[in-house]
C-alpha atoms as a PDB file:
ATOM      1  CA  UNK A   1      19.562 -34.665 -94.140  1.00  0.00           C
ATOM      2  CA  UNK A   2      23.301 -35.416 -93.935  1.00  0.00           C
ATOM      3  CA  UNK A   3      25.537 -32.381 -93.492  1.00  0.00           C
ATOM      4  CA  UNK A   4      28.469 -31.634 -95.764  1.00  0.00           C
ATOM      5  CA  UNK A   5      30.900 -32.254 -92.874  1.00  0.00           C
ATOM      6  CA  UNK A   6      29.590 -35.748 -92.181  1.00  0.00           C
ATOM      7  CA  UNK A   7      31.165 -37.584 -95.103  1.00  0.00           C
ATOM      8  CA  UNK A   8      34.548 -38.314 -96.606  1.00  0.00           C
ATOM      9  CA  UNK A   9      35.463 -38.915-100.239  1.00  0.00           C
ATOM     10  CA  UNK A  10      37.123 -42.284-100.843  1.00  0.00           C
ATOM     11  CA  UNK A  11      38.041 -44.534-103.752  1.00  0.00           C
ATOM     12  CA  UNK A  12      35.338 -47.224-103.841  1.00  0.00           C
ATOM     13  CA  UNK A  13      36.089 -50.905-104.344  1.00  0.00           C
ATOM     14  CA  UNK A  14      33.722 -52.516-101.830  1.00  0.00           C
ATOM     15  CA  UNK A  15      30.993 -54.410-103.681  1.00  0.00           C
ATOM     16  CA  UNK A  16      28.196 -53.274-101.380  1.00  0.00           C
ATOM     17  CA  UNK A  17      29.174 -49.634-101.759  1.00  0.00           C
ATOM     18  CA  UNK A  18      29.462 -49.979-105.534  1.00  0.00           C
ATOM     19  CA  UNK A  19      25.975 -51.506-105.494  1.00  0.00           C
ATOM     20  CA  UNK A  20      24.755 -48.366-103.734  1.00  0.00           C
ATOM     21  CA  UNK A  21      26.073 -46.358-106.702  1.00  0.00           C
ATOM     22  CA  UNK A  22      23.670 -48.271-108.924  1.00  0.00           C
ATOM     23  CA  UNK A  23      20.772 -47.281-106.688  1.00  0.00           C
ATOM     24  CA  UNK A  24      21.889 -43.643-106.654  1.00  0.00           C
ATOM     25  CA  UNK A  25      21.484 -43.613-110.421  1.00  0.00           C
ATOM     26  CA  UNK A  26      17.878 -44.733-110.083  1.00  0.00           C
ATOM     27  CA  UNK A  27      17.098 -42.141-107.443  1.00  0.00           C
ATOM     28  CA  UNK A  28      18.993 -39.194-108.927  1.00  0.00           C
ATOM     29  CA  UNK A  29      17.848 -39.587-112.541  1.00  0.00           C
ATOM     30  CA  UNK A  30      14.930 -42.002-112.418  1.00  0.00           C
ATOM     31  CA  UNK A  31      16.743 -44.216-114.920  1.00  0.00           C
ATOM     32  CA  UNK A  32      15.361 -47.541-116.056  1.00  0.00           C
ATOM     33  CA  UNK A  33      17.817 -50.438-116.002  1.00  0.00           C
ATOM     34  CA  UNK A  34      18.697 -49.936-119.686  1.00  0.00           C
ATOM     35  CA  UNK A  35      20.359 -46.575-118.924  1.00  0.00           C
ATOM     36  CA  UNK A  36      22.146 -47.502-115.695  1.00  0.00           C
ATOM     37  CA  UNK A  37      25.877 -48.138-115.458  1.00  0.00           C
ATOM     38  CA  UNK A  38      25.732 -51.647-113.973  1.00  0.00           C
ATOM     39  CA  UNK A  39      27.584 -52.999-110.971  1.00  0.00           C
ATOM     40  CA  UNK A  40      29.852 -55.115-113.163  1.00  0.00           C
ATOM     41  CA  UNK A  41      31.088 -52.044-115.063  1.00  0.00           C
ATOM     42  CA  UNK A  42      31.760 -50.148-111.843  1.00  0.00           C
ATOM     43  CA  UNK A  43      33.750 -53.074-110.454  1.00  0.00           C
ATOM     44  CA  UNK A  44      35.843 -53.298-113.624  1.00  0.00           C
ATOM     45  CA  UNK A  45      36.266 -49.528-113.849  1.00  0.00           C
ATOM     46  CA  UNK A  46      37.953 -49.419-110.449  1.00  0.00           C
ATOM     47  CA  UNK A  47      40.434 -52.098-111.504  1.00  0.00           C
ATOM     48  CA  UNK A  48      41.582 -50.997-114.988  1.00  0.00           C
ATOM     49  CA  UNK A  49      42.963 -47.543-114.346  1.00  0.00           C
ATOM     50  CA  UNK A  50      39.620 -45.795-114.050  1.00  0.00           C
ATOM     51  CA  UNK A  51      38.065 -44.246-110.971  1.00  0.00           C
ATOM     52  CA  UNK A  52      35.057 -44.763-108.739  1.00  0.00           C
ATOM     53  CA  UNK A  53      34.932 -42.185-105.960  1.00  0.00           C
ATOM     54  CA  UNK A  54      32.202 -41.993-103.354  1.00  0.00           C
ATOM     55  CA  UNK A  55      31.145 -39.532-100.675  1.00  0.00           C
ATOM     56  CA  UNK A  56      30.621 -41.920 -97.756  1.00  0.00           C
ATOM     57  CA  UNK A  57      29.099 -41.082 -94.379  1.00  0.00           C
ATOM     58  CA  UNK A  58      30.091 -42.582 -91.035  1.00  0.00           C
ATOM     59  CA  UNK A  59      27.636 -45.464 -91.432  1.00  0.00           C
ATOM     60  CA  UNK A  60      29.095 -46.495 -94.796  1.00  0.00           C
ATOM     61  CA  UNK A  61      26.240 -45.052 -96.872  1.00  0.00           C
ATOM     62  CA  UNK A  62      27.281 -43.632-100.222  1.00  0.00           C
ATOM     63  CA  UNK A  63      25.746 -40.168-100.619  1.00  0.00           C
ATOM     64  CA  UNK A  64      27.151 -39.513-104.066  1.00  0.00           C
ATOM     65  CA  UNK A  65      29.621 -41.013-106.514  1.00  0.00           C
ATOM     66  CA  UNK A  66      31.468 -40.511-109.760  1.00  0.00           C
ATOM     67  CA  UNK A  67      33.141 -42.944-112.089  1.00  0.00           C
ATOM     68  CA  UNK A  68      35.632 -42.434-114.907  1.00  0.00           C
ATOM     69  CA  UNK A  69      37.124 -44.724-117.531  1.00  0.00           C
ATOM     70  CA  UNK A  70      40.666 -44.448-118.893  1.00  0.00           C
ATOM     71  CA  UNK A  71      40.993 -43.164-122.442  1.00  0.00           C
ATOM     72  CA  UNK A  72      43.785 -42.779-124.985  1.00  0.00           C
ATOM     73  CA  UNK A  73      44.001 -40.115-127.686  1.00  0.00           C
ATOM     74  CA  UNK A  74      46.851 -38.599-129.677  1.00  0.00           C
ATOM     75  CA  UNK A  75      49.425 -40.496-127.675  1.00  0.00           C
ATOM     76  CA  UNK A  76      48.094 -39.296-124.313  1.00  0.00           C
ATOM     77  CA  UNK A  77      46.187 -41.039-121.532  1.00  0.00           C
ATOM     78  CA  UNK A  78      43.181 -39.154-120.185  1.00  0.00           C
ATOM     79  CA  UNK A  79      40.058 -39.931-118.160  1.00  0.00           C
ATOM     80  CA  UNK A  80      36.485 -39.867-119.415  1.00  0.00           C
ATOM     81  CA  UNK A  81      34.314 -39.063-116.408  1.00  0.00           C
ATOM     82  CA  UNK A  82      31.249 -41.085-117.238  1.00  0.00           C
ATOM     83  CA  UNK A  83      28.734 -40.321-114.508  1.00  0.00           C
ATOM     84  CA  UNK A  84      28.346 -38.360-111.296  1.00  0.00           C
ATOM     85  CA  UNK A  85      25.251 -38.593-109.118  1.00  0.00           C
ATOM     86  CA  UNK A  86      24.195 -37.480-105.652  1.00  0.00           C
ATOM     87  CA  UNK A  87      21.198 -38.653-103.638  1.00  0.00           C
ATOM     88  CA  UNK A  88      18.349 -36.128-104.026  1.00  0.00           C
ATOM     89  CA  UNK A  89      18.285 -35.320-100.314  1.00  0.00           C
ATOM     90  CA  UNK A  90      22.034 -34.637-100.323  1.00  0.00           C
ATOM     91  CA  UNK A  91      22.229 -32.350-103.347  1.00  0.00           C
ATOM     92  CA  UNK A  92      23.335 -28.700-103.188  1.00  0.00           C
ATOM     93  CA  UNK A  93      25.772 -29.401-100.354  1.00  0.00           C
ATOM     94  CA  UNK A  94      28.966 -29.311-102.408  1.00  0.00           C
ATOM     95  CA  UNK A  95      29.353 -33.076-102.671  1.00  0.00           C
ATOM     96  CA  UNK A  96      29.755 -33.034-106.440  1.00  0.00           C
ATOM     97  CA  UNK A  97      32.567 -30.499-106.288  1.00  0.00           C
ATOM     98  CA  UNK A  98      34.414 -32.502-103.622  1.00  0.00           C
ATOM     99  CA  UNK A  99      34.135 -35.624-105.760  1.00  0.00           C
ATOM    100  CA  UNK A 100      35.627 -33.744-108.723  1.00  0.00           C
ATOM    101  CA  UNK A 101      38.490 -32.381-106.618  1.00  0.00           C
ATOM    102  CA  UNK A 102      39.323 -35.898-105.437  1.00  0.00           C
ATOM    103  CA  UNK A 103      39.213 -37.022-109.053  1.00  0.00           C
ATOM    104  CA  UNK A 104      41.679 -34.302-110.035  1.00  0.00           C
ATOM    105  CA  UNK A 105      44.099 -35.069-107.209  1.00  0.00           C
ATOM    106  CA  UNK A 106      44.188 -38.782-107.974  1.00  0.00           C
ATOM    107  CA  UNK A 107      44.563 -38.208-111.724  1.00  0.00           C
ATOM    108  CA  UNK A 108      47.479 -35.810-111.242  1.00  0.00           C
ATOM    109  CA  UNK A 109      49.171 -38.314-108.926  1.00  0.00           C
ATOM    110  CA  UNK A 110      49.364 -40.643-111.940  1.00  0.00           C
ATOM    111  CA  UNK A 111      50.521 -37.971-114.376  1.00  0.00           C
ATOM    112  CA  UNK A 112      47.097 -37.617-116.035  1.00  0.00           C
ATOM    113  CA  UNK A 113      46.426 -33.998-116.971  1.00  0.00           C
ATOM    114  CA  UNK A 114      43.062 -34.158-118.757  1.00  0.00           C
ATOM    115  CA  UNK A 115      39.590 -35.267-117.683  1.00  0.00           C
ATOM    116  CA  UNK A 116      36.600 -34.976-120.004  1.00  0.00           C
ATOM    117  CA  UNK A 117      32.890 -35.478-119.480  1.00  0.00           C
ATOM    118  CA  UNK A 118      29.599 -34.557-121.101  1.00  0.00           C
ATOM    119  CA  UNK A 119      26.782 -32.405-119.767  1.00  0.00           C
ATOM    120  CA  UNK A 120      23.476 -31.027-120.972  1.00  0.00           C
ATOM    121  CA  UNK A 121      24.000 -27.381-122.034  1.00  0.00           C
ATOM    122  CA  UNK A 122      20.477 -26.550-120.859  1.00  0.00           C
ATOM    123  CA  UNK A 123      21.172 -27.671-117.292  1.00  0.00           C
ATOM    124  CA  UNK A 124      22.437 -24.452-115.778  1.00  0.00           C
ATOM    125  CA  UNK A 125      23.515 -25.891-112.418  1.00  0.00           C
ATOM    126  CA  UNK A 126      25.907 -28.278-114.125  1.00  0.00           C
ATOM    127  CA  UNK A 127      27.132 -25.545-116.464  1.00  0.00           C
ATOM    128  CA  UNK A 128      27.943 -23.258-113.540  1.00  0.00           C
ATOM    129  CA  UNK A 129      29.835 -25.956-111.633  1.00  0.00           C
ATOM    130  CA  UNK A 130      31.787 -27.115-114.662  1.00  0.00           C
ATOM    131  CA  UNK A 131      32.746 -23.726-116.068  1.00  0.00           C
ATOM    132  CA  UNK A 132      32.867 -21.454-113.046  1.00  0.00           C
ATOM    133  CA  UNK A 133      33.785 -23.597-110.034  1.00  0.00           C
ATOM    134  CA  UNK A 134      36.020 -26.130-111.800  1.00  0.00           C
ATOM    135  CA  UNK A 135      37.408 -24.079-114.700  1.00  0.00           C
ATOM    136  CA  UNK A 136      36.531 -26.491-117.511  1.00  0.00           C
ATOM    137  CA  UNK A 137      36.100 -25.256-121.092  1.00  0.00           C
ATOM    138  CA  UNK A 138      33.983 -26.525-123.992  1.00  0.00           C
ATOM    139  CA  UNK A 139      34.622 -26.609-127.730  1.00  0.00           C
ATOM    140  CA  UNK A 140      32.654 -29.673-128.892  1.00  0.00           C
ATOM    141  CA  UNK A 141      28.889 -30.258-129.149  1.00  0.00           C
ATOM    142  CA  UNK A 142      27.409 -33.753-129.535  1.00  0.00           C
ATOM    143  CA  UNK A 143      23.897 -34.261-130.938  1.00  0.00           C
ATOM    144  CA  UNK A 144      21.663 -36.825-129.166  1.00  0.00           C
ATOM    145  CA  UNK A 145      24.768 -38.688-128.081  1.00  0.00           C
ATOM    146  CA  UNK A 146      23.014 -41.218-125.802  1.00  0.00           C
ATOM    147  CA  UNK A 147      19.704 -41.374-127.651  1.00  0.00           C
ATOM    148  CA  UNK A 148      16.461 -40.497-125.891  1.00  0.00           C
ATOM    149  CA  UNK A 149      16.831 -41.724-122.300  1.00  0.00           C
ATOM    150  CA  UNK A 150      14.408 -43.046-119.708  1.00  0.00           C
ATOM    151  CA  UNK A 151      15.127 -40.259-117.212  1.00  0.00           C
ATOM    152  CA  UNK A 152      12.248 -37.916-116.422  1.00  0.00           C
ATOM    153  CA  UNK A 153      14.829 -35.144-116.133  1.00  0.00           C
ATOM    154  CA  UNK A 154      15.512 -35.339-119.874  1.00  0.00           C
ATOM    155  CA  UNK A 155      11.855 -34.889-120.776  1.00  0.00           C
ATOM    156  CA  UNK A 156      12.055 -37.151-123.831  1.00  0.00           C
ATOM    157  CA  UNK A 157      14.319 -34.649-125.600  1.00  0.00           C
ATOM    158  CA  UNK A 158      17.441 -35.578-127.585  1.00  0.00           C
ATOM    159  CA  UNK A 159      20.435 -35.983-125.292  1.00  0.00           C
ATOM    160  CA  UNK A 160      22.523 -33.166-126.748  1.00  0.00           C
ATOM    161  CA  UNK A 161      25.717 -32.677-124.791  1.00  0.00           C
ATOM    162  CA  UNK A 162      28.698 -30.375-124.467  1.00  0.00           C
ATOM    163  CA  UNK A 163      32.089 -31.941-123.796  1.00  0.00           C
ATOM    164  CA  UNK A 164      33.750 -30.391-120.770  1.00  0.00           C
ATOM    165  CA  UNK A 165      37.539 -30.368-121.007  1.00  0.00           C
ATOM    166  CA  UNK A 166      39.207 -30.138-117.609  1.00  0.00           C
ATOM    167  CA  UNK A 167      42.889 -29.366-118.120  1.00  0.00           C
ATOM    168  CA  UNK A 168      43.970 -30.205-114.599  1.00  0.00           C
ATOM    169  CA  UNK A 169      47.267 -28.331-114.505  1.00  0.00           C
ATOM    170  CA  UNK A 170      46.144 -25.235-116.403  1.00  0.00           C
ATOM    171  CA  UNK A 171      46.275 -21.796-114.821  1.00  0.00           C
ATOM    172  CA  UNK A 172      42.539 -21.494-115.440  1.00  0.00           C
ATOM    173  CA  UNK A 173      41.740 -24.559-113.324  1.00  0.00           C
ATOM    174  CA  UNK A 174      44.229 -23.700-110.576  1.00  0.00           C
ATOM    175  CA  UNK A 175      42.688 -20.241-110.244  1.00  0.00           C
ATOM    176  CA  UNK A 176      39.181 -21.658-109.757  1.00  0.00           C
ATOM    177  CA  UNK A 177      39.434 -24.673-107.490  1.00  0.00           C
ATOM    178  CA  UNK A 178      40.952 -23.005-104.455  1.00  0.00           C
ATOM    179  CA  UNK A 179      39.355 -19.581-104.628  1.00  0.00           C
ATOM    180  CA  UNK A 180      35.968 -17.881-104.427  1.00  0.00           C
ATOM    181  CA  UNK A 181      34.188 -17.689-107.788  1.00  0.00           C
ATOM    182  CA  UNK A 182      36.003 -15.402-110.223  1.00  0.00           C
ATOM    183  CA  UNK A 183      33.795 -12.485-111.349  1.00  0.00           C
ATOM    184  CA  UNK A 184      32.421 -13.001-114.840  1.00  0.00           C
ATOM    185  CA  UNK A 185      33.929 -10.346-117.142  1.00  0.00           C
ATOM    186  CA  UNK A 186      31.920  -7.910-119.200  1.00  0.00           C
ATOM    187  CA  UNK A 187      30.535  -9.619-122.289  1.00  0.00           C
ATOM    188  CA  UNK A 188      31.434  -6.614-124.431  1.00  0.00           C
ATOM    189  CA  UNK A 189      34.278  -8.420-126.181  1.00  0.00           C
ATOM    190  CA  UNK A 190      32.787 -11.911-125.918  1.00  0.00           C
ATOM    191  CA  UNK A 191      30.033 -13.760-127.751  1.00  0.00           C
ATOM    192  CA  UNK A 192      27.071 -14.529-125.497  1.00  0.00           C
ATOM    193  CA  UNK A 193      24.405 -17.211-125.836  1.00  0.00           C
ATOM    194  CA  UNK A 194      21.383 -17.118-123.540  1.00  0.00           C
ATOM    195  CA  UNK A 195      19.537 -20.086-122.037  1.00  0.00           C
ATOM    196  CA  UNK A 196      16.479 -20.007-119.743  1.00  0.00           C
ATOM    197  CA  UNK A 197      16.646 -20.769-116.031  1.00  0.00           C
ATOM    198  CA  UNK A 198      13.405 -22.770-116.092  1.00  0.00           C
ATOM    199  CA  UNK A 199      14.162 -25.430-118.699  1.00  0.00           C
ATOM    200  CA  UNK A 200      12.751 -28.229-116.523  1.00  0.00           C
ATOM    201  CA  UNK A 201       9.414 -26.406-116.312  1.00  0.00           C
ATOM    202  CA  UNK A 202       9.423 -25.892-120.067  1.00  0.00           C
ATOM    203  CA  UNK A 203      10.181 -29.550-120.729  1.00  0.00           C
ATOM    204  CA  UNK A 204       7.078 -30.473-118.727  1.00  0.00           C
ATOM    205  CA  UNK A 205       4.640 -27.678-119.608  1.00  0.00           C
ATOM    206  CA  UNK A 206       5.834 -26.521-123.028  1.00  0.00           C
ATOM    207  CA  UNK A 207       7.875 -29.321-124.637  1.00  0.00           C
ATOM    208  CA  UNK A 208       7.711 -27.736-128.092  1.00  0.00           C
ATOM    209  CA  UNK A 209       9.180 -24.510-126.748  1.00  0.00           C
ATOM    210  CA  UNK A 210      11.915 -26.464-124.953  1.00  0.00           C
ATOM    211  CA  UNK A 211      12.742 -28.361-128.143  1.00  0.00           C
ATOM    212  CA  UNK A 212      12.953 -25.089-130.081  1.00  0.00           C
ATOM    213  CA  UNK A 213      15.363 -23.639-127.522  1.00  0.00           C
ATOM    214  CA  UNK A 214      17.531 -26.754-127.690  1.00  0.00           C
ATOM    215  CA  UNK A 215      17.653 -26.683-131.494  1.00  0.00           C
ATOM    216  CA  UNK A 216      18.542 -23.000-131.619  1.00  0.00           C
ATOM    217  CA  UNK A 217      21.315 -23.421-129.059  1.00  0.00           C
ATOM    218  CA  UNK A 218      22.631 -26.481-130.901  1.00  0.00           C
ATOM    219  CA  UNK A 219      22.885 -24.666-134.223  1.00  0.00           C
ATOM    220  CA  UNK A 220      24.537 -21.581-132.753  1.00  0.00           C
ATOM    221  CA  UNK A 221      27.068 -23.455-130.641  1.00  0.00           C
ATOM    222  CA  UNK A 222      28.087 -25.826-133.418  1.00  0.00           C
ATOM    223  CA  UNK A 223      28.555 -22.885-135.778  1.00  0.00           C
ATOM    224  CA  UNK A 224      30.758 -21.034-133.286  1.00  0.00           C
ATOM    225  CA  UNK A 225      32.835 -24.124-132.509  1.00  0.00           C
ATOM    226  CA  UNK A 226      33.472 -24.584-136.241  1.00  0.00           C
ATOM    227  CA  UNK A 227      34.711 -20.986-136.276  1.00  0.00           C
ATOM    228  CA  UNK A 228      37.272 -21.790-133.549  1.00  0.00           C
ATOM    229  CA  UNK A 229      35.454 -20.338-130.555  1.00  0.00           C
ATOM    230  CA  UNK A 230      35.256 -22.052-127.162  1.00  0.00           C
ATOM    231  CA  UNK A 231      33.007 -21.624-124.120  1.00  0.00           C
ATOM    232  CA  UNK A 232      34.975 -20.050-121.307  1.00  0.00           C
ATOM    233  CA  UNK A 233      32.463 -18.652-118.780  1.00  0.00           C
ATOM    234  CA  UNK A 234      28.884 -18.941-117.592  1.00  0.00           C
ATOM    235  CA  UNK A 235      26.798 -16.217-115.939  1.00  0.00           C
ATOM    236  CA  UNK A 236      23.395 -16.358-114.232  1.00  0.00           C
ATOM    237  CA  UNK A 237      21.021 -13.386-113.936  1.00  0.00           C
ATOM    238  CA  UNK A 238      18.083 -14.327-111.722  1.00  0.00           C
ATOM    239  CA  UNK A 239      16.417 -10.943-112.306  1.00  0.00           C
ATOM    240  CA  UNK A 240      16.007 -11.590-116.032  1.00  0.00           C
ATOM    241  CA  UNK A 241      15.573 -15.358-115.580  1.00  0.00           C
ATOM    242  CA  UNK A 242      18.386 -15.914-118.060  1.00  0.00           C
ATOM    243  CA  UNK A 243      21.740 -17.614-117.990  1.00  0.00           C
ATOM    244  CA  UNK A 244      24.491 -16.849-120.479  1.00  0.00           C
ATOM    245  CA  UNK A 245      27.338 -18.812-122.026  1.00  0.00           C
ATOM    246  CA  UNK A 246      30.315 -16.638-122.954  1.00  0.00           C
ATOM    247  CA  UNK A 247      32.607 -17.660-125.784  1.00  0.00           C
ATOM    248  CA  UNK A 248      36.101 -16.566-126.752  1.00  0.00           C
ATOM    249  CA  UNK A 249      38.232 -17.133-129.832  1.00  0.00           C
ATOM    250  CA  UNK A 250      40.947 -19.760-129.589  1.00  0.00           C
ATOM    251  CA  UNK A 251      43.013 -17.519-131.829  1.00  0.00           C
ATOM    252  CA  UNK A 252      43.204 -14.951-129.028  1.00  0.00           C
ATOM    253  CA  UNK A 253      43.162 -17.086-125.868  1.00  0.00           C
ATOM    254  CA  UNK A 254      44.810 -20.402-125.000  1.00  0.00           C
ATOM    255  CA  UNK A 255      42.781 -21.992-122.186  1.00  0.00           C
ATOM    256  CA  UNK A 256      44.866 -25.142-122.026  1.00  0.00           C
ATOM    257  CA  UNK A 257      48.080 -23.785-120.451  1.00  0.00           C
END
């Protein structure tokens, strides 16, 4: 298995390396061709103000990648980070975080201060990285945004997603990316929403239970977002086999500065 010190993160434009990114999608998610970002899109993405970063080892093998497309909203340019994947045998080595840090550095060099992406709120590993290690926040919930996908990881469930907002120059982000994880505060003055640690097992063994959990979380999060709350933190308690989203009121906290 490659070690975390045996790769470097680079901006990808080489056709053969971009082709490897297509294969990573198949291996990481088990996608059929219909759900894969094709080579042509990756080539174009790297040429129109988007990004394709790869973690590349000394032999030229791409161990993981991310791509982002340029966006424009309310008079501001931002990046929509479309996909990030790491080879199964290279996961849990910090590659994803290094890809995101490279993304941030390159975006800031062009005066871009916001990156957004979507993630499954039931996938606790992604939630922890996004909220705790990167300092993103969430205030929008999308219902079945991609339709039911071909990935075995999604278990045939609707592809509900949270939108992660990564305000690259905010104090929140700066405090997270260069420091050990910040202790999660007491939830006494925050709203907490629990999710199970074993959602993949439930999707396989108890799909009806998994669907019920998804629906309940969807309804609660959408209600709180309408009431001007945002997700600010994420805590994991292995003893109780629960993870918890913590929400704050935008009327009391500005996470974007």
